[in-house]
Each structure stands twice: as structure tokens, then as C-alpha cells.
Amino acid sequence: MKTLFIGGVKSGKSKLAEAAILAQAGGVKPYYLATAEAIDEEMQARIHQHQNQRQDRFITLEEPLNLLDAIKPLQSPVLIECVTLWLNNQLFHQRCQTDILAELEAVMQLPNEIVLVLNEVGLGIIPDSALARQFVDLSGKAAQLMAGHCREVYFCSAGLALRMK
């Protein structure tokens, strides 16, 4: 089963996604695929907070770029935290949108149980820079692609999850 948690920053989506993958895992320790790169002190603090939150309930893998290669050999359920940062990393490394979405499609075709986390970035105004518009557009396309493959999709706000699908 595939499940998507989407919401704004500090909406509670990560905590809800962690609870969901632990419930789906049925006593097996799931994988936590972390996509963040510690590029500055503030990001290091955010990563540390997430590490403390998950404690030793997960097998942590860090992979900022190659989701498919990281997940393909795994047998246990996987939490991808988060697709938003993975998309950012892809654009930073100048991968084209077609290749990015093709990799995400391949991930969604895997037989693994996967829970995905994505920031909702399309509810605001149209950004004023070309790169920001490219990111928002890519994120929206990725959300639609993932939602199409997921059995369950939740929109998160204030620590609550509203089931959309």
C-alpha cells in the first residue's frame, strides 16, 4: 500500500506519516529514507529534531538523490521523508523534470509499502522567480503522480489529517 501525507510546514505531516508506517509495518522495523542534506546550521537542527523524534523505531537511510536505487532492494516498509527536499535536490543538481518524474513513477511502481511526505507549496501566489515557479510546478505534478498511485492521501494541518482519498 502507498500512502501520501501532504501539508504545509509544521502541519504535523511527518509525525502522522511516522505513525502510519509504524502501524503498517506490523511489528517489523520500517525504513526511514531521509532526503535532507545538512547544508547549514538551521537545517542540521531540523534534522536532529527529526532524529530525536523517531528514536530507534526505524532503520534510517540517508539518500538525497537516488530514491529508486535506495528503495528497490528493501523488503520492509519505507517512509520517504521528504519528497519535497528530494525534488529540491533534483533541481539543485539540474536534473530535468522528465527524468525526475520518471524516477518518481518508477518508485511508485515498486511493490514496497511506502509512506510519502510532501509539503504543499501550491496554495499561495505564483512565485516571482523562474526557479521558484519551476519548483512549484514540479511539486504539483509530483503530488498528482503520487496521489494517483496511493490508496490513501491525507491533507495535514494543525497536527490533524483529513483523508482525501
C-alpha atoms as a PDB file:
ATOM      1  CA  MET A   1       0.000   0.000   0.000  1.00  0.00           C
ATOM      2  CA  LYS A   2       1.133   3.530  -0.746  1.00  0.00           C
ATOM      3  CA  THR A   3       0.076   6.500   1.393  1.00  0.00           C
ATOM      4  CA  LEU A   4       0.737  10.223   0.900  1.00  0.00           C
ATOM      5  CA  PHE A   5       0.763  12.867   3.637  1.00  0.00           C
ATOM      6  CA  ILE A   6       0.720  16.399   2.248  1.00  0.00           C
ATOM      7  CA  GLY A   7       0.588  19.677   4.137  1.00  0.00           C
ATOM      8  CA  GLY A   8       2.361  22.888   4.988  1.00  0.00           C
ATOM      9  CA  VAL A   9       5.475  23.389   7.087  1.00  0.00           C
ATOM     10  CA  LYS A  10       4.912  22.259  10.711  1.00  0.00           C
ATOM     11  CA  SER A  11       1.472  20.858   9.816  1.00  0.00           C
ATOM     12  CA  GLY A  12       2.175  17.579  11.632  1.00  0.00           C
ATOM     13  CA  LYS A  13       2.532  15.539   8.457  1.00  0.00           C
ATOM     14  CA  SER A  14       5.854  13.938   9.467  1.00  0.00           C
ATOM     15  CA  LYS A  15       4.572  12.755  12.831  1.00  0.00           C
ATOM     16  CA  LEU A  16       1.378  11.420  11.245  1.00  0.00           C
ATOM     17  CA  ALA A  17       3.359   9.675   8.492  1.00  0.00           C
ATOM     18  CA  GLU A  18       5.655   8.051  11.049  1.00  0.00           C
ATOM     19  CA  ALA A  19       2.652   6.707  12.970  1.00  0.00           C
ATOM     20  CA  ALA A  20       1.116   5.389   9.733  1.00  0.00           C
ATOM     21  CA  ILE A  21       4.228   3.497   8.585  1.00  0.00           C
ATOM     22  CA  LEU A  22       4.734   2.011  12.051  1.00  0.00           C
ATOM     23  CA  ALA A  23       1.127   0.769  12.020  1.00  0.00           C
ATOM     24  CA  GLN A  24       1.510  -0.665   8.507  1.00  0.00           C
ATOM     25  CA  ALA A  25       4.800  -2.378   9.384  1.00  0.00           C
ATOM     26  CA  GLY A  26       3.103  -4.772  11.783  1.00  0.00           C
ATOM     27  CA  GLY A  27       5.998  -5.070  14.226  1.00  0.00           C
ATOM     28  CA  VAL A  28       8.739  -5.047  11.574  1.00  0.00           C
ATOM     29  CA  LYS A  29      11.135  -2.107  11.860  1.00  0.00           C
ATOM     30  CA  PRO A  30      10.441   0.073   8.808  1.00  0.00           C
ATOM     31  CA  TYR A  31      12.969   2.105   6.868  1.00  0.00           C
ATOM     32  CA  TYR A  32      13.136   5.875   7.193  1.00  0.00           C
ATOM     33  CA  LEU A  33      14.588   7.249   3.970  1.00  0.00           C
ATOM     34  CA  ALA A  34      15.802  10.756   4.803  1.00  0.00           C
ATOM     35  CA  THR A  35      16.350  13.031   1.805  1.00  0.00           C
ATOM     36  CA  ALA A  36      17.550  16.195   3.584  1.00  0.00           C
ATOM     37  CA  GLU A  37      21.061  17.491   3.228  1.00  0.00           C
ATOM     38  CA  ALA A  38      22.517  19.410   6.190  1.00  0.00           C
ATOM     39  CA  ILE A  39      23.539  22.492   4.251  1.00  0.00           C
ATOM     40  CA  ASP A  40      23.540  24.909   7.204  1.00  0.00           C
ATOM     41  CA  GLU A  41      23.140  25.015  10.989  1.00  0.00           C
ATOM     42  CA  GLU A  42      19.390  25.557  10.870  1.00  0.00           C
ATOM     43  CA  MET A  43      18.892  22.514   8.626  1.00  0.00           C
ATOM     44  CA  GLN A  44      21.175  20.483  10.897  1.00  0.00           C
ATOM     45  CA  ALA A  45      18.918  21.427  13.822  1.00  0.00           C
ATOM     46  CA  ARG A  46      15.805  20.336  11.891  1.00  0.00           C
ATOM     47  CA  ILE A  47      17.437  17.017  11.010  1.00  0.00           C
ATOM     48  CA  HIS A  48      18.460  16.497  14.630  1.00  0.00           C
ATOM     49  CA  GLN A  49      14.885  17.194  15.768  1.00  0.00           C
ATOM     50  CA  HIS A  50      13.554  14.561  13.351  1.00  0.00           C
ATOM     51  CA  GLN A  51      16.196  12.057  14.521  1.00  0.00           C
ATOM     52  CA  ASN A  52      15.172  12.590  18.151  1.00  0.00           C
ATOM     53  CA  GLN A  53      11.504  12.261  17.246  1.00  0.00           C
ATOM     54  CA  ARG A  54      11.903   8.902  15.549  1.00  0.00           C
ATOM     55  CA  GLN A  55      14.347   7.496  18.124  1.00  0.00           C
ATOM     56  CA  ASP A  56      15.274   3.891  17.279  1.00  0.00           C
ATOM     57  CA  ARG A  57      11.907   2.840  15.822  1.00  0.00           C
ATOM     58  CA  PHE A  58      13.272   2.965  12.250  1.00  0.00           C
ATOM     59  CA  ILE A  59      16.228   1.852  10.172  1.00  0.00           C
ATOM     60  CA  THR A  60      17.480   5.176   8.833  1.00  0.00           C
ATOM     61  CA  LEU A  61      18.874   5.552   5.335  1.00  0.00           C
ATOM     62  CA  GLU A  62      20.096   8.884   4.030  1.00  0.00           C
ATOM     63  CA  GLU A  63      19.733   9.372   0.301  1.00  0.00           C
ATOM     64  CA  PRO A  64      19.219  12.861  -1.111  1.00  0.00           C
ATOM     65  CA  LEU A  65      19.124  11.928  -4.817  1.00  0.00           C
ATOM     66  CA  ASN A  66      18.580   8.292  -5.836  1.00  0.00           C
ATOM     67  CA  LEU A  67      15.257   7.145  -4.375  1.00  0.00           C
ATOM     68  CA  LEU A  68      14.766   4.242  -6.747  1.00  0.00           C
ATOM     69  CA  ASP A  69      18.201   2.716  -6.144  1.00  0.00           C
ATOM     70  CA  ALA A  70      17.804   3.145  -2.377  1.00  0.00           C
ATOM     71  CA  ILE A  71      14.335   1.563  -2.130  1.00  0.00           C
ATOM     72  CA  LYS A  72      14.486  -1.201  -4.741  1.00  0.00           C
ATOM     73  CA  PRO A  73      16.466  -3.723  -2.613  1.00  0.00           C
ATOM     74  CA  LEU A  74      14.462  -3.109   0.587  1.00  0.00           C
ATOM     75  CA  GLN A  75      11.961  -5.663   1.873  1.00  0.00           C
ATOM     76  CA  SER A  76      10.395  -3.740   4.780  1.00  0.00           C
ATOM     77  CA  PRO A  77       8.006  -0.769   4.526  1.00  0.00           C
ATOM     78  CA  VAL A  78       9.598   2.604   3.739  1.00  0.00           C
ATOM     79  CA  LEU A  79       8.849   6.151   4.857  1.00  0.00           C
ATOM     80  CA  ILE A  80      10.209   8.766   2.446  1.00  0.00           C
ATOM     81  CA  GLU A  81      10.832  11.982   4.394  1.00  0.00           C
ATOM     82  CA  CYS A  82      10.508  14.029   2.397  1.00  0.00           C
ATOM     83  CA  VAL A  83       9.732  14.172  -1.288  1.00  0.00           C
ATOM     84  CA  THR A  84       9.821  17.987  -1.204  1.00  0.00           C
ATOM     85  CA  LEU A  85      13.500  18.065  -0.269  1.00  0.00           C
ATOM     86  CA  TRP A  86      14.220  15.328  -2.804  1.00  0.00           C
ATOM     87  CA  LEU A  87      12.615  17.477  -5.527  1.00  0.00           C
ATOM     88  CA  ASN A  88      14.670  20.458  -4.364  1.00  0.00           C
ATOM     89  CA  ASN A  89      17.840  18.355  -4.503  1.00  0.00           C
ATOM     90  CA  GLN A  90      16.981  17.210  -8.025  1.00  0.00           C
ATOM     91  CA  LEU A  91      16.571  20.776  -9.257  1.00  0.00           C
ATOM     92  CA  PHE A  92      19.748  21.874  -7.477  1.00  0.00           C
ATOM     93  CA  HIS A  93      21.642  19.147  -9.340  1.00  0.00           C
ATOM     94  CA  GLN A  94      19.974  20.313 -12.584  1.00  0.00           C
ATOM     95  CA  ARG A  95      18.076  17.139 -13.415  1.00  0.00           C
ATOM     96  CA  CYS A  96      15.337  17.685 -15.953  1.00  0.00           C
ATOM     97  CA  GLN A  97      11.686  17.452 -14.925  1.00  0.00           C
ATOM     98  CA  THR A  98      11.054  14.478 -17.225  1.00  0.00           C
ATOM     99  CA  ASP A  99      13.791  12.416 -15.535  1.00  0.00           C
ATOM    100  CA  ILE A 100      12.679  13.437 -12.047  1.00  0.00           C
ATOM    101  CA  LEU A 101       9.068  12.437 -12.650  1.00  0.00           C
ATOM    102  CA  ALA A 102      10.165   9.202 -14.375  1.00  0.00           C
ATOM    103  CA  GLU A 103      12.165   8.209 -11.298  1.00  0.00           C
ATOM    104  CA  LEU A 104       9.238   9.030  -9.034  1.00  0.00           C
ATOM    105  CA  GLU A 105       6.925   6.980 -11.260  1.00  0.00           C
ATOM    106  CA  ALA A 106       9.332   4.034 -11.016  1.00  0.00           C
ATOM    107  CA  VAL A 107       9.380   4.356  -7.214  1.00  0.00           C
ATOM    108  CA  MET A 108       5.580   4.319  -7.158  1.00  0.00           C
ATOM    109  CA  GLN A 109       5.598   1.104  -9.237  1.00  0.00           C
ATOM    110  CA  LEU A 110       7.692  -0.756  -6.652  1.00  0.00           C
ATOM    111  CA  PRO A 111       5.856  -3.412  -4.622  1.00  0.00           C
ATOM    112  CA  ASN A 112       7.057  -1.929  -1.309  1.00  0.00           C
ATOM    113  CA  GLU A 113       4.692  -0.427   1.215  1.00  0.00           C
ATOM    114  CA  ILE A 114       5.630   3.242   1.054  1.00  0.00           C
ATOM    115  CA  VAL A 115       4.507   6.282   3.018  1.00  0.00           C
ATOM    116  CA  LEU A 116       5.476   9.592   1.429  1.00  0.00           C
ATOM    117  CA  VAL A 117       5.640  13.102   2.891  1.00  0.00           C
ATOM    118  CA  LEU A 118       5.279  16.198   0.701  1.00  0.00           C
ATOM    119  CA  ASN A 119       4.967  19.885   1.532  1.00  0.00           C
ATOM    120  CA  GLU A 120       2.008  21.619  -0.077  1.00  0.00           C
ATOM    121  CA  VAL A 121       3.561  24.579  -1.875  1.00  0.00           C
ATOM    122  CA  GLY A 122       0.850  25.433  -4.382  1.00  0.00           C
ATOM    123  CA  LEU A 123      -1.685  27.233  -2.206  1.00  0.00           C
ATOM    124  CA  GLY A 124      -0.031  30.640  -2.363  1.00  0.00           C
ATOM    125  CA  ILE A 125       0.576  33.176  -5.083  1.00  0.00           C
ATOM    126  CA  ILE A 126       2.538  32.446  -8.233  1.00  0.00           C
ATOM    127  CA  PRO A 127       6.224  32.925  -7.334  1.00  0.00           C
ATOM    128  CA  ASP A 128       8.129  35.797  -8.922  1.00  0.00           C
ATOM    129  CA  SER A 129      11.241  33.843  -9.927  1.00  0.00           C
ATOM    130  CA  ALA A 130      11.547  31.275 -12.686  1.00  0.00           C
ATOM    131  CA  LEU A 131      13.244  28.706 -10.427  1.00  0.00           C
ATOM    132  CA  ALA A 132      10.555  29.032  -7.752  1.00  0.00           C
ATOM    133  CA  ARG A 133       7.816  28.631 -10.396  1.00  0.00           C
ATOM    134  CA  GLN A 134       9.613  25.567 -11.746  1.00  0.00           C
ATOM    135  CA  PHE A 135       9.745  24.082  -8.225  1.00  0.00           C
ATOM    136  CA  VAL A 136       6.048  24.766  -7.519  1.00  0.00           C
ATOM    137  CA  ASP A 137       5.034  23.281 -10.874  1.00  0.00           C
ATOM    138  CA  LEU A 138       7.213  20.205 -10.341  1.00  0.00           C
ATOM    139  CA  SER A 139       5.883  19.723  -6.821  1.00  0.00           C
ATOM    140  CA  GLY A 140       2.295  19.904  -8.060  1.00  0.00           C
ATOM    141  CA  LYS A 141       2.961  17.359 -10.804  1.00  0.00           C
ATOM    142  CA  ALA A 142       4.726  15.083  -8.313  1.00  0.00           C
ATOM    143  CA  ALA A 143       1.788  15.347  -5.899  1.00  0.00           C
ATOM    144  CA  GLN A 144      -0.657  14.370  -8.630  1.00  0.00           C
ATOM    145  CA  LEU A 145       1.533  11.464  -9.737  1.00  0.00           C
ATOM    146  CA  MET A 146       1.903  10.126  -6.182  1.00  0.00           C
ATOM    147  CA  ALA A 147      -1.766  10.639  -5.309  1.00  0.00           C
ATOM    148  CA  GLY A 148      -2.725   8.662  -8.397  1.00  0.00           C
ATOM    149  CA  HIS A 149      -0.764   5.658  -7.125  1.00  0.00           C
ATOM    150  CA  CYS A 150      -1.668   5.931  -3.439  1.00  0.00           C
ATOM    151  CA  ARG A 151      -4.529   4.098  -1.818  1.00  0.00           C
ATOM    152  CA  GLU A 152      -4.722   6.796   0.864  1.00  0.00           C
ATOM    153  CA  VAL A 153      -3.946  10.530   0.665  1.00  0.00           C
ATOM    154  CA  TYR A 154      -4.125  12.836   3.689  1.00  0.00           C
ATOM    155  CA  PHE A 155      -4.025  16.628   3.856  1.00  0.00           C
ATOM    156  CA  CYS A 156      -2.456  17.705   7.147  1.00  0.00           C
ATOM    157  CA  SER A 157      -2.908  20.870   9.184  1.00  0.00           C
ATOM    158  CA  ALA A 158      -2.581  21.630  12.912  1.00  0.00           C
ATOM    159  CA  GLY A 159      -1.481  18.053  13.596  1.00  0.00           C
ATOM    160  CA  LEU A 160      -4.658  16.635  12.089  1.00  0.00           C
ATOM    161  CA  ALA A 161      -5.056  14.566   8.948  1.00  0.00           C
ATOM    162  CA  LEU A 162      -8.027  14.971   6.618  1.00  0.00           C
ATOM    163  CA  ARG A 163      -8.425  11.915   4.395  1.00  0.00           C
ATOM    164  CA  MET A 164      -8.767  12.988   0.775  1.00  0.00           C
ATOM    165  CA  LYS A 165      -8.646   9.526  -0.785  1.00  0.00           C
END
